[in-house]
Amino acid sequence: MTDYAKHYIDVLNEIGDVTIEEINNIGNKYIADNAVKIINGEQACTSGKDVIVQLTEVRSVAGKCQFTLLNNLKANTEKACALRYQLDSEKAGNFQTIAIVRFNDDMQIIEIDEIYTVLDS
């Protein structure tokens, strides 16, 4: 059985550790062209390209980031996960996030629905 939550955290950690210039290549590998992203209930991205741009912009502001999986609720459907993770960034502070993430048959992300909570420093 594939651990989709671990895969998602691994992708985020790869993005969080590379140079800004490398994010596009990683995004193209792991994010489907038709991917969408919802942040705190608002549709933020309507294509894979938009998701990659959003991740690049966040990374530019936040600096390097480390993601730690806190909870992994196995989804009842295939190719999806529900998880809670902590994001620790160099410049933007620390966050906890609850996310539902869906994948295609190629393990590319097709949907991210996240709720962010800022942690007190």
N, C-alpha and C. Protein backbone atom coordinates (compact mmCIF):
# COMPACT_ATOMS: atom_id res chain seq x y z
N MET A 1 0.84 -1.19 0.00
CA MET A 1 0.00 0.00 0.00
C MET A 1 0.89 1.25 0.00
N THR A 2 0.59 2.17 -0.87
CA THR A 2 1.36 3.41 -0.98
C THR A 2 0.99 4.34 0.18
N ASP A 3 2.00 4.93 0.77
CA ASP A 3 1.77 5.91 1.83
C ASP A 3 1.76 7.29 1.18
N TYR A 4 0.58 7.74 0.79
CA TYR A 4 0.44 9.00 0.07
C TYR A 4 0.84 10.21 0.92
N ALA A 5 0.56 10.16 2.22
CA ALA A 5 0.93 11.28 3.09
C ALA A 5 2.45 11.42 3.15
N LYS A 6 3.16 10.31 3.29
CA LYS A 6 4.62 10.37 3.32
C LYS A 6 5.15 10.90 1.98
N HIS A 7 4.56 10.42 0.90
CA HIS A 7 4.98 10.90 -0.42
C HIS A 7 4.80 12.42 -0.53
N TYR A 8 3.65 12.93 -0.08
CA TYR A 8 3.39 14.36 -0.14
C TYR A 8 4.40 15.14 0.71
N ILE A 9 4.67 14.67 1.92
CA ILE A 9 5.65 15.35 2.79
C ILE A 9 7.04 15.29 2.16
N ASP A 10 7.40 14.18 1.54
CA ASP A 10 8.70 14.08 0.85
C ASP A 10 8.81 15.10 -0.27
N VAL A 11 7.72 15.27 -1.04
CA VAL A 11 7.72 16.28 -2.12
C VAL A 11 7.89 17.68 -1.53
N LEU A 12 7.13 17.99 -0.47
CA LEU A 12 7.25 19.31 0.16
C LEU A 12 8.66 19.54 0.70
N ASN A 13 9.24 18.53 1.32
CA ASN A 13 10.60 18.69 1.85
C ASN A 13 11.62 18.89 0.74
N GLU A 14 11.41 18.23 -0.38
CA GLU A 14 12.31 18.44 -1.52
C GLU A 14 12.19 19.89 -2.01
N ILE A 15 10.97 20.39 -2.13
CA ILE A 15 10.76 21.78 -2.54
C ILE A 15 11.32 22.74 -1.49
N GLY A 16 11.16 22.40 -0.23
CA GLY A 16 11.63 23.26 0.85
C GLY A 16 13.12 23.36 0.98
N ASP A 17 13.85 22.42 0.36
CA ASP A 17 15.30 22.37 0.54
C ASP A 17 16.11 22.82 -0.68
N VAL A 18 15.51 22.81 -1.86
CA VAL A 18 16.26 23.14 -3.08
C VAL A 18 16.31 24.65 -3.31
N THR A 19 17.07 25.06 -4.31
CA THR A 19 17.09 26.47 -4.68
C THR A 19 15.77 26.83 -5.36
N ILE A 20 15.45 28.11 -5.35
CA ILE A 20 14.22 28.58 -5.98
C ILE A 20 14.18 28.16 -7.45
N GLU A 21 15.31 28.21 -8.12
CA GLU A 21 15.37 27.87 -9.54
C GLU A 21 15.02 26.40 -9.81
N GLU A 22 15.21 25.53 -8.83
CA GLU A 22 14.95 24.10 -9.02
C GLU A 22 13.50 23.70 -8.77
N ILE A 23 12.72 24.57 -8.16
CA ILE A 23 11.34 24.22 -7.80
C ILE A 23 10.51 23.87 -9.02
N ASN A 24 10.67 24.58 -10.12
CA ASN A 24 9.90 24.30 -11.32
C ASN A 24 10.10 22.86 -11.80
N ASN A 25 11.34 22.38 -11.80
CA ASN A 25 11.61 21.01 -12.24
C ASN A 25 10.96 19.99 -11.32
N ILE A 26 11.03 20.22 -10.02
CA ILE A 26 10.40 19.31 -9.06
C ILE A 26 8.89 19.36 -9.23
N GLY A 27 8.36 20.56 -9.37
CA GLY A 27 6.92 20.70 -9.55
C GLY A 27 6.42 19.97 -10.78
N ASN A 28 7.14 20.11 -11.88
CA ASN A 28 6.73 19.43 -13.12
C ASN A 28 6.75 17.91 -12.96
N LYS A 29 7.62 17.40 -12.11
CA LYS A 29 7.71 15.96 -11.88
C LYS A 29 6.56 15.45 -11.02
N TYR A 30 6.18 16.21 -9.99
CA TYR A 30 5.24 15.71 -8.98
C TYR A 30 3.84 16.31 -9.02
N ILE A 31 3.63 17.35 -9.82
CA ILE A 31 2.33 18.03 -9.86
C ILE A 31 1.75 17.92 -11.27
N ALA A 32 0.55 17.36 -11.35
CA ALA A 32 -0.11 17.16 -12.65
C ALA A 32 -0.50 18.50 -13.27
N ASP A 33 -0.57 18.54 -14.59
CA ASP A 33 -0.95 19.76 -15.30
C ASP A 33 -2.33 20.27 -14.89
N ASN A 34 -3.23 19.36 -14.54
CA ASN A 34 -4.60 19.74 -14.20
C ASN A 34 -4.81 19.90 -12.69
N ALA A 35 -3.74 20.01 -11.93
CA ALA A 35 -3.85 20.12 -10.48
C ALA A 35 -4.54 21.41 -10.06
N VAL A 36 -5.24 21.34 -8.93
CA VAL A 36 -5.87 22.52 -8.33
C VAL A 36 -5.44 22.59 -6.86
N LYS A 37 -5.52 23.80 -6.31
CA LYS A 37 -5.16 23.98 -4.91
C LYS A 37 -6.14 24.93 -4.25
N ILE A 38 -6.60 24.52 -3.07
CA ILE A 38 -7.50 25.32 -2.25
C ILE A 38 -6.75 25.62 -0.96
N ILE A 39 -6.73 26.90 -0.58
CA ILE A 39 -6.05 27.31 0.65
C ILE A 39 -7.07 28.01 1.54
N ASN A 40 -7.27 27.48 2.73
CA ASN A 40 -8.21 28.05 3.70
C ASN A 40 -9.58 28.32 3.08
N GLY A 41 -10.06 27.34 2.28
CA GLY A 41 -11.39 27.43 1.70
C GLY A 41 -11.52 28.23 0.42
N GLU A 42 -10.46 28.84 -0.04
CA GLU A 42 -10.48 29.65 -1.25
C GLU A 42 -9.67 28.98 -2.36
N GLN A 43 -10.22 28.91 -3.55
CA GLN A 43 -9.46 28.33 -4.66
C GLN A 43 -8.30 29.26 -4.99
N ALA A 44 -7.10 28.74 -4.84
CA ALA A 44 -5.89 29.54 -5.04
C ALA A 44 -5.23 29.25 -6.38
N CYS A 45 -5.37 28.03 -6.88
CA CYS A 45 -4.69 27.63 -8.11
C CYS A 45 -5.62 26.76 -8.93
N THR A 46 -5.64 27.00 -10.25
CA THR A 46 -6.53 26.25 -11.13
C THR A 46 -5.78 25.39 -12.15
N SER A 47 -4.47 25.31 -12.02
CA SER A 47 -3.67 24.46 -12.91
C SER A 47 -2.39 24.07 -12.18
N GLY A 48 -1.75 23.03 -12.69
CA GLY A 48 -0.47 22.62 -12.12
C GLY A 48 0.55 23.74 -12.17
N LYS A 49 0.55 24.48 -13.27
CA LYS A 49 1.47 25.60 -13.41
C LYS A 49 1.23 26.63 -12.30
N ASP A 50 -0.05 26.92 -12.03
CA ASP A 50 -0.39 27.86 -10.95
C ASP A 50 0.11 27.35 -9.59
N VAL A 51 -0.03 26.04 -9.35
CA VAL A 51 0.44 25.46 -8.08
C VAL A 51 1.95 25.65 -7.95
N ILE A 52 2.67 25.39 -9.01
CA ILE A 52 4.14 25.55 -8.97
C ILE A 52 4.52 27.00 -8.73
N VAL A 53 3.83 27.94 -9.38
CA VAL A 53 4.10 29.36 -9.17
C VAL A 53 3.82 29.73 -7.71
N GLN A 54 2.69 29.25 -7.17
CA GLN A 54 2.33 29.56 -5.78
C GLN A 54 3.37 29.00 -4.82
N LEU A 55 3.80 27.77 -5.04
CA LEU A 55 4.83 27.18 -4.17
C LEU A 55 6.15 27.94 -4.26
N THR A 56 6.50 28.38 -5.45
CA THR A 56 7.72 29.16 -5.64
C THR A 56 7.64 30.49 -4.92
N GLU A 57 6.49 31.16 -5.02
CA GLU A 57 6.31 32.45 -4.34
C GLU A 57 6.38 32.30 -2.83
N VAL A 58 5.73 31.26 -2.31
CA VAL A 58 5.77 31.02 -0.86
C VAL A 58 7.19 30.72 -0.41
N ARG A 59 7.87 29.90 -1.15
CA ARG A 59 9.25 29.54 -0.81
C ARG A 59 10.17 30.76 -0.85
N SER A 60 9.95 31.66 -1.81
CA SER A 60 10.75 32.89 -1.90
C SER A 60 10.60 33.75 -0.65
N VAL A 61 9.39 33.81 -0.12
CA VAL A 61 9.11 34.60 1.08
C VAL A 61 9.56 33.88 2.35
N ALA A 62 9.30 32.58 2.42
CA ALA A 62 9.52 31.81 3.65
C ALA A 62 10.95 31.35 3.84
N GLY A 63 11.72 31.30 2.77
CA GLY A 63 13.06 30.71 2.88
C GLY A 63 12.96 29.20 2.90
N LYS A 64 14.06 28.55 3.27
CA LYS A 64 14.05 27.09 3.34
C LYS A 64 13.03 26.64 4.38
N CYS A 65 12.42 25.49 4.11
CA CYS A 65 11.35 24.98 4.97
C CYS A 65 11.57 23.51 5.27
N GLN A 66 11.10 23.11 6.44
CA GLN A 66 11.10 21.70 6.84
C GLN A 66 9.67 21.30 7.17
N PHE A 67 9.23 20.16 6.66
CA PHE A 67 7.87 19.67 6.87
C PHE A 67 7.93 18.37 7.67
N THR A 68 7.10 18.30 8.71
CA THR A 68 7.07 17.12 9.57
C THR A 68 5.64 16.58 9.62
N LEU A 69 5.48 15.32 9.26
CA LEU A 69 4.18 14.66 9.31
C LEU A 69 3.80 14.41 10.76
N LEU A 70 2.64 14.92 11.18
CA LEU A 70 2.17 14.75 12.55
C LEU A 70 1.10 13.67 12.64
N ASN A 71 0.17 13.67 11.71
CA ASN A 71 -0.89 12.66 11.68
C ASN A 71 -1.17 12.28 10.24
N ASN A 72 -1.49 11.00 10.05
CA ASN A 72 -1.80 10.49 8.73
C ASN A 72 -3.07 9.67 8.85
N LEU A 73 -4.17 10.22 8.39
CA LEU A 73 -5.44 9.50 8.41
C LEU A 73 -5.61 8.85 7.06
N LYS A 74 -5.55 7.55 7.02
CA LYS A 74 -5.66 6.83 5.76
C LYS A 74 -7.03 7.10 5.14
N ALA A 75 -7.04 7.52 3.89
CA ALA A 75 -8.29 7.82 3.19
C ALA A 75 -9.00 6.53 2.81
N ASN A 76 -10.31 6.58 2.76
CA ASN A 76 -11.10 5.42 2.35
C ASN A 76 -11.08 5.22 0.85
N THR A 77 -10.63 6.21 0.12
CA THR A 77 -10.56 6.09 -1.33
C THR A 77 -9.11 5.88 -1.74
N GLU A 78 -8.93 5.34 -2.91
CA GLU A 78 -7.58 5.15 -3.41
C GLU A 78 -6.96 6.48 -3.82
N LYS A 79 -5.66 6.51 -3.77
CA LYS A 79 -4.88 7.64 -4.30
C LYS A 79 -5.21 8.96 -3.62
N ALA A 80 -5.40 8.94 -2.29
CA ALA A 80 -5.66 10.17 -1.55
C ALA A 80 -5.17 10.01 -0.12
N CYS A 81 -4.98 11.14 0.56
CA CYS A 81 -4.63 11.10 1.97
C CYS A 81 -5.18 12.34 2.67
N ALA A 82 -5.37 12.19 3.95
CA ALA A 82 -5.71 13.31 4.82
C ALA A 82 -4.62 13.33 5.88
N LEU A 83 -4.01 14.47 6.10
CA LEU A 83 -2.88 14.53 7.00
C LEU A 83 -2.82 15.87 7.72
N ARG A 84 -2.07 15.86 8.81
CA ARG A 84 -1.73 17.10 9.53
C ARG A 84 -0.22 17.13 9.60
N TYR A 85 0.35 18.30 9.24
CA TYR A 85 1.80 18.41 9.28
C TYR A 85 2.21 19.77 9.82
N GLN A 86 3.45 19.84 10.24
CA GLN A 86 4.02 21.11 10.69
C GLN A 86 5.03 21.59 9.67
N LEU A 87 4.95 22.88 9.36
CA LEU A 87 5.88 23.55 8.46
C LEU A 87 6.69 24.52 9.31
N ASP A 88 7.99 24.36 9.32
CA ASP A 88 8.91 25.28 10.00
C ASP A 88 9.73 25.97 8.93
N SER A 89 9.63 27.30 8.85
CA SER A 89 10.34 28.04 7.80
C SER A 89 11.37 28.97 8.40
N GLU A 90 12.37 29.31 7.59
CA GLU A 90 13.43 30.22 8.04
C GLU A 90 12.91 31.63 8.31
N LYS A 91 12.02 32.12 7.46
CA LYS A 91 11.65 33.54 7.51
C LYS A 91 10.19 33.84 7.85
N ALA A 92 9.29 32.87 7.65
CA ALA A 92 7.86 33.16 7.78
C ALA A 92 7.23 32.56 9.04
N GLY A 93 8.00 31.89 9.84
CA GLY A 93 7.45 31.31 11.06
C GLY A 93 7.06 29.86 10.89
N ASN A 94 6.24 29.40 11.83
CA ASN A 94 5.85 27.99 11.88
C ASN A 94 4.34 27.88 11.74
N PHE A 95 3.92 26.81 11.08
CA PHE A 95 2.51 26.60 10.79
C PHE A 95 2.16 25.13 11.01
N GLN A 96 0.91 24.87 11.35
CA GLN A 96 0.39 23.52 11.25
C GLN A 96 -0.70 23.55 10.19
N THR A 97 -0.75 22.48 9.43
CA THR A 97 -1.65 22.41 8.29
C THR A 97 -2.39 21.08 8.29
N ILE A 98 -3.67 21.16 8.00
CA ILE A 98 -4.46 19.96 7.72
C ILE A 98 -4.71 19.97 6.23
N ALA A 99 -4.46 18.84 5.59
CA ALA A 99 -4.57 18.79 4.13
C ALA A 99 -5.24 17.50 3.67
N ILE A 100 -6.00 17.63 2.61
CA ILE A 100 -6.49 16.48 1.85
C ILE A 100 -5.81 16.58 0.49
N VAL A 101 -5.13 15.53 0.11
CA VAL A 101 -4.35 15.55 -1.13
C VAL A 101 -4.74 14.33 -1.97
N ARG A 102 -4.98 14.57 -3.25
CA ARG A 102 -5.35 13.50 -4.17
C ARG A 102 -4.28 13.38 -5.26
N PHE A 103 -4.12 12.15 -5.75
CA PHE A 103 -3.07 11.84 -6.72
C PHE A 103 -3.65 11.11 -7.92
N ASN A 104 -2.93 11.20 -9.05
CA ASN A 104 -3.32 10.42 -10.22
C ASN A 104 -2.57 9.08 -10.21
N ASP A 105 -2.74 8.30 -11.25
CA ASP A 105 -2.09 6.98 -11.33
C ASP A 105 -0.57 7.06 -11.39
N ASP A 106 -0.04 8.20 -11.78
CA ASP A 106 1.41 8.40 -11.87
C ASP A 106 2.01 9.00 -10.59
N MET A 107 1.20 9.03 -9.50
CA MET A 107 1.64 9.59 -8.22
C MET A 107 1.87 11.10 -8.30
N GLN A 108 1.29 11.76 -9.29
CA GLN A 108 1.34 13.21 -9.37
C GLN A 108 0.16 13.77 -8.60
N ILE A 109 0.38 14.90 -7.97
CA ILE A 109 -0.66 15.58 -7.21
C ILE A 109 -1.67 16.19 -8.17
N ILE A 110 -2.97 15.93 -7.91
CA ILE A 110 -4.02 16.53 -8.74
C ILE A 110 -4.90 17.50 -7.94
N GLU A 111 -4.87 17.39 -6.61
CA GLU A 111 -5.64 18.31 -5.79
C GLU A 111 -5.02 18.43 -4.41
N ILE A 112 -4.91 19.68 -3.96
CA ILE A 112 -4.46 19.98 -2.60
C ILE A 112 -5.51 20.89 -1.98
N ASP A 113 -6.02 20.50 -0.83
CA ASP A 113 -6.99 21.31 -0.09
C ASP A 113 -6.43 21.46 1.32
N GLU A 114 -5.91 22.65 1.64
CA GLU A 114 -5.19 22.85 2.90
C GLU A 114 -5.78 23.96 3.75
N ILE A 115 -5.72 23.76 5.05
CA ILE A 115 -6.08 24.76 6.04
C ILE A 115 -4.84 25.02 6.89
N TYR A 116 -4.38 26.27 6.91
CA TYR A 116 -3.17 26.65 7.65
C TYR A 116 -3.52 27.32 8.96
N THR A 117 -2.75 27.00 9.99
CA THR A 117 -2.84 27.67 11.28
C THR A 117 -1.44 28.15 11.66
N VAL A 118 -1.30 29.43 11.96
CA VAL A 118 -0.02 29.99 12.38
C VAL A 118 0.22 29.60 13.83
N LEU A 119 1.41 29.10 14.13
CA LEU A 119 1.78 28.75 15.49
C LEU A 119 2.47 29.93 16.14
N ASP A 120 2.24 30.16 17.42
CA ASP A 120 2.96 31.22 18.14
C ASP A 120 4.42 30.86 18.20
N SER A 121 5.26 31.86 18.00
CA SER A 121 6.71 31.62 18.02
C SER A 121 7.23 31.59 19.42
